[in-house]
Amino acid sequence: MFSAVARHATRVVREVYRSLVAYGQLWLYLPVEPARPEPLERVRPDVPLTPAERALERQLLDLDRRLG
């Protein structure tokens, strides 16, 4: 008797688990978004750079010249 109840309980738990997995897969769908044409971080051309930003730009340009 006990083994029959255990078998049924196991089947119920297995089916509940499979149902939850299917439900989770349904809600985890992520649509493919088209690539952005411009980078996410962009400096606005109408706002002047701060002194720290200008120093960083000089360092990056200098690095480009050394590697290029």
PDB file of N, CA and C in Angstrom:
ATOM      1  N   MET A   1       0.829  -1.196   0.000  1.00  0.00           N
ATOM      2  CA  MET A   1       0.000   0.000   0.000  1.00  0.00           C
ATOM      3  C   MET A   1       0.870   1.255   0.000  1.00  0.00           C
ATOM      4  N   PHE A   2       1.870   1.236   0.894  1.00  0.00           N
ATOM      5  CA  PHE A   2       2.720   2.424   0.984  1.00  0.00           C
ATOM      6  C   PHE A   2       3.495   2.656  -0.315  1.00  0.00           C
ATOM      7  N   SER A   3       3.953   1.592  -0.950  1.00  0.00           N
ATOM      8  CA  SER A   3       4.719   1.759  -2.184  1.00  0.00           C
ATOM      9  C   SER A   3       3.841   2.318  -3.304  1.00  0.00           C
ATOM     10  N   ALA A   4       2.565   1.965  -3.324  1.00  0.00           N
ATOM     11  CA  ALA A   4       1.652   2.504  -4.339  1.00  0.00           C
ATOM     12  C   ALA A   4       1.463   4.008  -4.131  1.00  0.00           C
ATOM     13  N   VAL A   5       1.319   4.431  -2.892  1.00  0.00           N
ATOM     14  CA  VAL A   5       1.175   5.862  -2.592  1.00  0.00           C
ATOM     15  C   VAL A   5       2.462   6.602  -2.941  1.00  0.00           C
ATOM     16  N   ALA A   6       3.593   5.986  -2.637  1.00  0.00           N
ATOM     17  CA  ALA A   6       4.886   6.616  -2.944  1.00  0.00           C
ATOM     18  C   ALA A   6       5.050   6.761  -4.454  1.00  0.00           C
ATOM     19  N   ARG A   7       4.659   5.738  -5.229  1.00  0.00           N
ATOM     20  CA  ARG A   7       4.756   5.815  -6.688  1.00  0.00           C
ATOM     21  C   ARG A   7       3.897   6.940  -7.242  1.00  0.00           C
ATOM     22  N   HIS A   8       2.668   7.051  -6.741  1.00  0.00           N
ATOM     23  CA  HIS A   8       1.774   8.113  -7.218  1.00  0.00           C
ATOM     24  C   HIS A   8       2.300   9.494  -6.824  1.00  0.00           C
ATOM     25  N   ALA A   9       2.817   9.600  -5.613  1.00  0.00           N
ATOM     26  CA  ALA A   9       3.376  10.879  -5.171  1.00  0.00           C
ATOM     27  C   ALA A   9       4.574  11.262  -6.036  1.00  0.00           C
ATOM     28  N   THR A  10       5.400  10.271  -6.372  1.00  0.00           N
ATOM     29  CA  THR A  10       6.555  10.528  -7.233  1.00  0.00           C
ATOM     30  C   THR A  10       6.115  11.000  -8.608  1.00  0.00           C
ATOM     31  N   ARG A  11       5.095  10.368  -9.162  1.00  0.00           N
ATOM     32  CA  ARG A  11       4.588  10.781 -10.477  1.00  0.00           C
ATOM     33  C   ARG A  11       4.027  12.200 -10.437  1.00  0.00           C
ATOM     34  N   VAL A  12       3.298  12.515  -9.357  1.00  0.00           N
ATOM     35  CA  VAL A  12       2.718  13.861  -9.228  1.00  0.00           C
ATOM     36  C   VAL A  12       3.824  14.904  -9.121  1.00  0.00           C
ATOM     37  N   VAL A  13       4.824  14.610  -8.288  1.00  0.00           N
ATOM     38  CA  VAL A  13       5.929  15.567  -8.119  1.00  0.00           C
ATOM     39  C   VAL A  13       6.672  15.736  -9.440  1.00  0.00           C
ATOM     40  N   ARG A  14       6.901  14.646 -10.173  1.00  0.00           N
ATOM     41  CA  ARG A  14       7.591  14.720 -11.455  1.00  0.00           C
ATOM     42  C   ARG A  14       6.802  15.568 -12.455  1.00  0.00           C
ATOM     43  N   GLU A  15       5.499  15.375 -12.508  1.00  0.00           N
ATOM     44  CA  GLU A  15       4.672  16.145 -13.448  1.00  0.00           C
ATOM     45  C   GLU A  15       4.610  17.622 -13.060  1.00  0.00           C
ATOM     46  N   VAL A  16       4.552  17.895 -11.770  1.00  0.00           N
ATOM     47  CA  VAL A  16       4.565  19.295 -11.318  1.00  0.00           C
ATOM     48  C   VAL A  16       5.894  19.944 -11.707  1.00  0.00           C
ATOM     49  N   TYR A  17       6.993  19.220 -11.513  1.00  0.00           N
ATOM     50  CA  TYR A  17       8.308  19.739 -11.884  1.00  0.00           C
ATOM     51  C   TYR A  17       8.376  20.018 -13.385  1.00  0.00           C
ATOM     52  N   ARG A  18       7.939  19.065 -14.206  1.00  0.00           N
ATOM     53  CA  ARG A  18       7.966  19.256 -15.652  1.00  0.00           C
ATOM     54  C   ARG A  18       7.086  20.429 -16.069  1.00  0.00           C
ATOM     55  N   SER A  19       5.960  20.616 -15.410  1.00  0.00           N
ATOM     56  CA  SER A  19       5.076  21.738 -15.726  1.00  0.00           C
ATOM     57  C   SER A  19       5.739  23.066 -15.375  1.00  0.00           C
ATOM     58  N   LEU A  20       6.419  23.109 -14.231  1.00  0.00           N
ATOM     59  CA  LEU A  20       7.108  24.341 -13.840  1.00  0.00           C
ATOM     60  C   LEU A  20       8.260  24.656 -14.791  1.00  0.00           C
ATOM     61  N   VAL A  21       8.968  23.638 -15.260  1.00  0.00           N
ATOM     62  CA  VAL A  21      10.045  23.857 -16.223  1.00  0.00           C
ATOM     63  C   VAL A  21       9.466  24.437 -17.510  1.00  0.00           C
ATOM     64  N   ALA A  22       8.372  23.876 -17.988  1.00  0.00           N
ATOM     65  CA  ALA A  22       7.748  24.381 -19.220  1.00  0.00           C
ATOM     66  C   ALA A  22       7.261  25.811 -19.029  1.00  0.00           C
ATOM     67  N   TYR A  23       6.680  26.109 -17.881  1.00  0.00           N
ATOM     68  CA  TYR A  23       6.195  27.461 -17.593  1.00  0.00           C
ATOM     69  C   TYR A  23       7.372  28.442 -17.557  1.00  0.00           C
ATOM     70  N   GLY A  24       8.481  28.025 -16.939  1.00  0.00           N
ATOM     71  CA  GLY A  24       9.662  28.886 -16.876  1.00  0.00           C
ATOM     72  C   GLY A  24      10.239  29.145 -18.252  1.00  0.00           C
ATOM     73  N   GLN A  25      10.260  28.132 -19.104  1.00  0.00           N
ATOM     74  CA  GLN A  25      10.784  28.327 -20.451  1.00  0.00           C
ATOM     75  C   GLN A  25       9.916  29.291 -21.233  1.00  0.00           C
ATOM     76  N   LEU A  26       8.640  29.266 -20.980  1.00  0.00           N
ATOM     77  CA  LEU A  26       7.728  30.190 -21.656  1.00  0.00           C
ATOM     78  C   LEU A  26       8.037  31.627 -21.269  1.00  0.00           C
ATOM     79  N   TRP A  27       8.310  31.884 -19.997  1.00  0.00           N
ATOM     80  CA  TRP A  27       8.509  33.253 -19.533  1.00  0.00           C
ATOM     81  C   TRP A  27       9.949  33.730 -19.648  1.00  0.00           C
ATOM     82  N   LEU A  28      10.877  32.854 -20.008  1.00  0.00           N
ATOM     83  CA  LEU A  28      12.264  33.280 -20.181  1.00  0.00           C
ATOM     84  C   LEU A  28      12.603  33.599 -21.630  1.00  0.00           C
ATOM     85  N   TYR A  29      11.641  33.617 -22.505  1.00  0.00           N
ATOM     86  CA  TYR A  29      11.885  33.920 -23.914  1.00  0.00           C
ATOM     87  C   TYR A  29      12.360  35.364 -24.042  1.00  0.00           C
ATOM     88  N   LEU A  30      13.487  35.549 -24.700  1.00  0.00           N
ATOM     89  CA  LEU A  30      14.025  36.886 -24.942  1.00  0.00           C
ATOM     90  C   LEU A  30      14.103  37.110 -26.448  1.00  0.00           C
ATOM     91  N   PRO A  31      13.342  38.049 -26.963  1.00  0.00           N
ATOM     92  CA  PRO A  31      13.394  38.278 -28.413  1.00  0.00           C
ATOM     93  C   PRO A  31      14.739  38.868 -28.824  1.00  0.00           C
ATOM     94  N   VAL A  32      15.140  38.598 -30.027  1.00  0.00           N
ATOM     95  CA  VAL A  32      16.396  39.129 -30.561  1.00  0.00           C
ATOM     96  C   VAL A  32      16.156  40.579 -30.969  1.00  0.00           C
ATOM     97  N   GLU A  33      16.976  41.454 -30.427  1.00  0.00           N
ATOM     98  CA  GLU A  33      16.859  42.878 -30.756  1.00  0.00           C
ATOM     99  C   GLU A  33      17.885  43.233 -31.829  1.00  0.00           C
ATOM    100  N   PRO A  34      17.543  44.110 -32.734  1.00  0.00           N
ATOM    101  CA  PRO A  34      18.524  44.506 -33.752  1.00  0.00           C
ATOM    102  C   PRO A  34      19.693  45.269 -33.107  1.00  0.00           C
ATOM    103  N   ALA A  35      20.863  45.153 -33.687  1.00  0.00           N
ATOM    104  CA  ALA A  35      22.045  45.842 -33.155  1.00  0.00           C
ATOM    105  C   ALA A  35      21.884  47.346 -33.325  1.00  0.00           C
ATOM    106  N   ARG A  36      22.368  48.070 -32.345  1.00  0.00           N
ATOM    107  CA  ARG A  36      22.305  49.535 -32.421  1.00  0.00           C
ATOM    108  C   ARG A  36      23.387  50.041 -33.374  1.00  0.00           C
ATOM    109  N   PRO A  37      23.078  51.029 -34.188  1.00  0.00           N
ATOM    110  CA  PRO A  37      24.088  51.542 -35.119  1.00  0.00           C
ATOM    111  C   PRO A  37      25.178  52.355 -34.419  1.00  0.00           C
ATOM    112  N   GLU A  38      24.900  52.918 -33.254  1.00  0.00           N
ATOM    113  CA  GLU A  38      25.900  53.717 -32.552  1.00  0.00           C
ATOM    114  C   GLU A  38      26.161  53.098 -31.178  1.00  0.00           C
ATOM    115  N   PRO A  39      27.319  53.372 -30.597  1.00  0.00           N
ATOM    116  CA  PRO A  39      27.606  52.829 -29.265  1.00  0.00           C
ATOM    117  C   PRO A  39      26.655  53.417 -28.224  1.00  0.00           C
ATOM    118  N   LEU A  40      26.481  52.698 -27.136  1.00  0.00           N
ATOM    119  CA  LEU A  40      25.572  53.170 -26.088  1.00  0.00           C
ATOM    120  C   LEU A  40      26.124  54.405 -25.381  1.00  0.00           C
ATOM    121  N   GLU A  41      27.422  54.441 -25.144  1.00  0.00           N
ATOM    122  CA  GLU A  41      28.021  55.585 -24.476  1.00  0.00           C
ATOM    123  C   GLU A  41      28.593  56.507 -25.543  1.00  0.00           C
ATOM    124  N   ARG A  42      28.035  57.679 -25.620  1.00  0.00           N
ATOM    125  CA  ARG A  42      28.389  58.610 -26.676  1.00  0.00           C
ATOM    126  C   ARG A  42      28.478  60.002 -26.073  1.00  0.00           C
ATOM    127  N   VAL A  43      29.458  60.768 -26.492  1.00  0.00           N
ATOM    128  CA  VAL A  43      29.607  62.140 -26.022  1.00  0.00           C
ATOM    129  C   VAL A  43      28.755  63.038 -26.919  1.00  0.00           C
ATOM    130  N   ARG A  44      27.994  63.906 -26.270  1.00  0.00           N
ATOM    131  CA  ARG A  44      27.185  64.849 -27.056  1.00  0.00           C
ATOM    132  C   ARG A  44      28.100  65.907 -27.651  1.00  0.00           C
ATOM    133  N   PRO A  45      27.942  66.187 -28.931  1.00  0.00           N
ATOM    134  CA  PRO A  45      28.831  67.168 -29.568  1.00  0.00           C
ATOM    135  C   PRO A  45      28.580  68.601 -29.107  1.00  0.00           C
ATOM    136  N   ASP A  46      27.415  68.892 -28.559  1.00  0.00           N
ATOM    137  CA  ASP A  46      27.115  70.265 -28.159  1.00  0.00           C
ATOM    138  C   ASP A  46      27.568  70.587 -26.739  1.00  0.00           C
ATOM    139  N   VAL A  47      28.060  69.595 -25.988  1.00  0.00           N
ATOM    140  CA  VAL A  47      28.522  69.822 -24.622  1.00  0.00           C
ATOM    141  C   VAL A  47      30.048  69.708 -24.617  1.00  0.00           C
ATOM    142  N   PRO A  48      30.754  70.743 -24.141  1.00  0.00           N
ATOM    143  CA  PRO A  48      32.216  70.670 -24.137  1.00  0.00           C
ATOM    144  C   PRO A  48      32.716  69.645 -23.113  1.00  0.00           C
ATOM    145  N   LEU A  49      33.901  69.092 -23.409  1.00  0.00           N
ATOM    146  CA  LEU A  49      34.496  68.111 -22.505  1.00  0.00           C
ATOM    147  C   LEU A  49      35.023  68.790 -21.249  1.00  0.00           C
ATOM    148  N   THR A  50      34.976  68.079 -20.147  1.00  0.00           N
ATOM    149  CA  THR A  50      35.569  68.577 -18.902  1.00  0.00           C
ATOM    150  C   THR A  50      37.080  68.385 -18.994  1.00  0.00           C
ATOM    151  N   PRO A  51      37.843  69.024 -18.122  1.00  0.00           N
ATOM    152  CA  PRO A  51      39.302  68.827 -18.154  1.00  0.00           C
ATOM    153  C   PRO A  51      39.705  67.353 -17.977  1.00  0.00           C
ATOM    154  N   ALA A  52      39.015  66.634 -17.138  1.00  0.00           N
ATOM    155  CA  ALA A  52      39.338  65.213 -16.947  1.00  0.00           C
ATOM    156  C   ALA A  52      39.052  64.420 -18.225  1.00  0.00           C
ATOM    157  N   GLU A  53      37.971  64.743 -18.894  1.00  0.00           N
ATOM    158  CA  GLU A  53      37.631  64.052 -20.146  1.00  0.00           C
ATOM    159  C   GLU A  53      38.642  64.374 -21.247  1.00  0.00           C
ATOM    160  N   ARG A  54      39.094  65.630 -21.283  1.00  0.00           N
ATOM    161  CA  ARG A  54      40.106  66.004 -22.273  1.00  0.00           C
ATOM    162  C   ARG A  54      41.413  65.252 -22.019  1.00  0.00           C
ATOM    163  N   ALA A  55      41.800  65.103 -20.749  1.00  0.00           N
ATOM    164  CA  ALA A  55      43.019  64.364 -20.414  1.00  0.00           C
ATOM    165  C   ALA A  55      42.884  62.896 -20.814  1.00  0.00           C
ATOM    166  N   LEU A  56      41.726  62.316 -20.572  1.00  0.00           N
ATOM    167  CA  LEU A  56      41.500  60.929 -20.986  1.00  0.00           C
ATOM    168  C   LEU A  56      41.543  60.787 -22.499  1.00  0.00           C
ATOM    169  N   GLU A  57      40.981  61.755 -23.203  1.00  0.00           N
ATOM    170  CA  GLU A  57      41.008  61.706 -24.663  1.00  0.00           C
ATOM    171  C   GLU A  57      42.442  61.772 -25.181  1.00  0.00           C
ATOM    172  N   ARG A  58      43.266  62.640 -24.587  1.00  0.00           N
ATOM    173  CA  ARG A  58      44.669  62.735 -25.001  1.00  0.00           C
ATOM    174  C   ARG A  58      45.387  61.408 -24.763  1.00  0.00           C
ATOM    175  N   GLN A  59      45.129  60.782 -23.606  1.00  0.00           N
ATOM    176  CA  GLN A  59      45.771  59.496 -23.307  1.00  0.00           C
ATOM    177  C   GLN A  59      45.359  58.428 -24.312  1.00  0.00           C
ATOM    178  N   LEU A  60      44.079  58.387 -24.654  1.00  0.00           N
ATOM    179  CA  LEU A  60      43.600  57.377 -25.595  1.00  0.00           C
ATOM    180  C   LEU A  60      44.146  57.619 -27.004  1.00  0.00           C
ATOM    181  N   LEU A  61      44.189  58.885 -27.410  1.00  0.00           N
ATOM    182  CA  LEU A  61      44.736  59.199 -28.730  1.00  0.00           C
ATOM    183  C   LEU A  61      46.216  58.876 -28.792  1.00  0.00           C
ATOM    184  N   ASP A  62      46.946  59.137 -27.700  1.00  0.00           N
ATOM    185  CA  ASP A  62      48.366  58.811 -27.635  1.00  0.00           C
ATOM    186  C   ASP A  62      48.570  57.297 -27.709  1.00  0.00           C
ATOM    187  N   LEU A  63      47.720  56.551 -27.044  1.00  0.00           N
ATOM    188  CA  LEU A  63      47.786  55.082 -27.080  1.00  0.00           C
ATOM    189  C   LEU A  63      47.511  54.580 -28.486  1.00  0.00           C
ATOM    190  N   ASP A  64      46.534  55.189 -29.169  1.00  0.00           N
ATOM    191  CA  ASP A  64      46.233  54.793 -30.550  1.00  0.00           C
ATOM    192  C   ASP A  64      47.448  55.038 -31.460  1.00  0.00           C
ATOM    193  N   ARG A  65      48.159  56.172 -31.260  1.00  0.00           N
ATOM    194  CA  ARG A  65      49.328  56.470 -32.084  1.00  0.00           C
ATOM    195  C   ARG A  65      50.451  55.479 -31.831  1.00  0.00           C
ATOM    196  N   ARG A  66      50.616  55.067 -30.564  1.00  0.00           N
ATOM    197  CA  ARG A  66      51.681  54.130 -30.233  1.00  0.00           C
ATOM    198  C   ARG A  66      51.393  52.732 -30.798  1.00  0.00           C
ATOM    199  N   LEU A  67      50.132  52.311 -30.753  1.00  0.00           N
ATOM    200  CA  LEU A  67      49.786  50.979 -31.231  1.00  0.00           C
ATOM    201  C   LEU A  67      49.599  50.941 -32.736  1.00  0.00           C
ATOM    202  N   GLY A  68      49.286  52.062 -33.332  1.00  0.00           N
ATOM    203  CA  GLY A  68      48.977  52.107 -34.755  1.00  0.00           C
ATOM    204  C   GLY A  68      50.126  52.139 -35.643  1.00  0.00           C
TER     205      GLY A  68
END
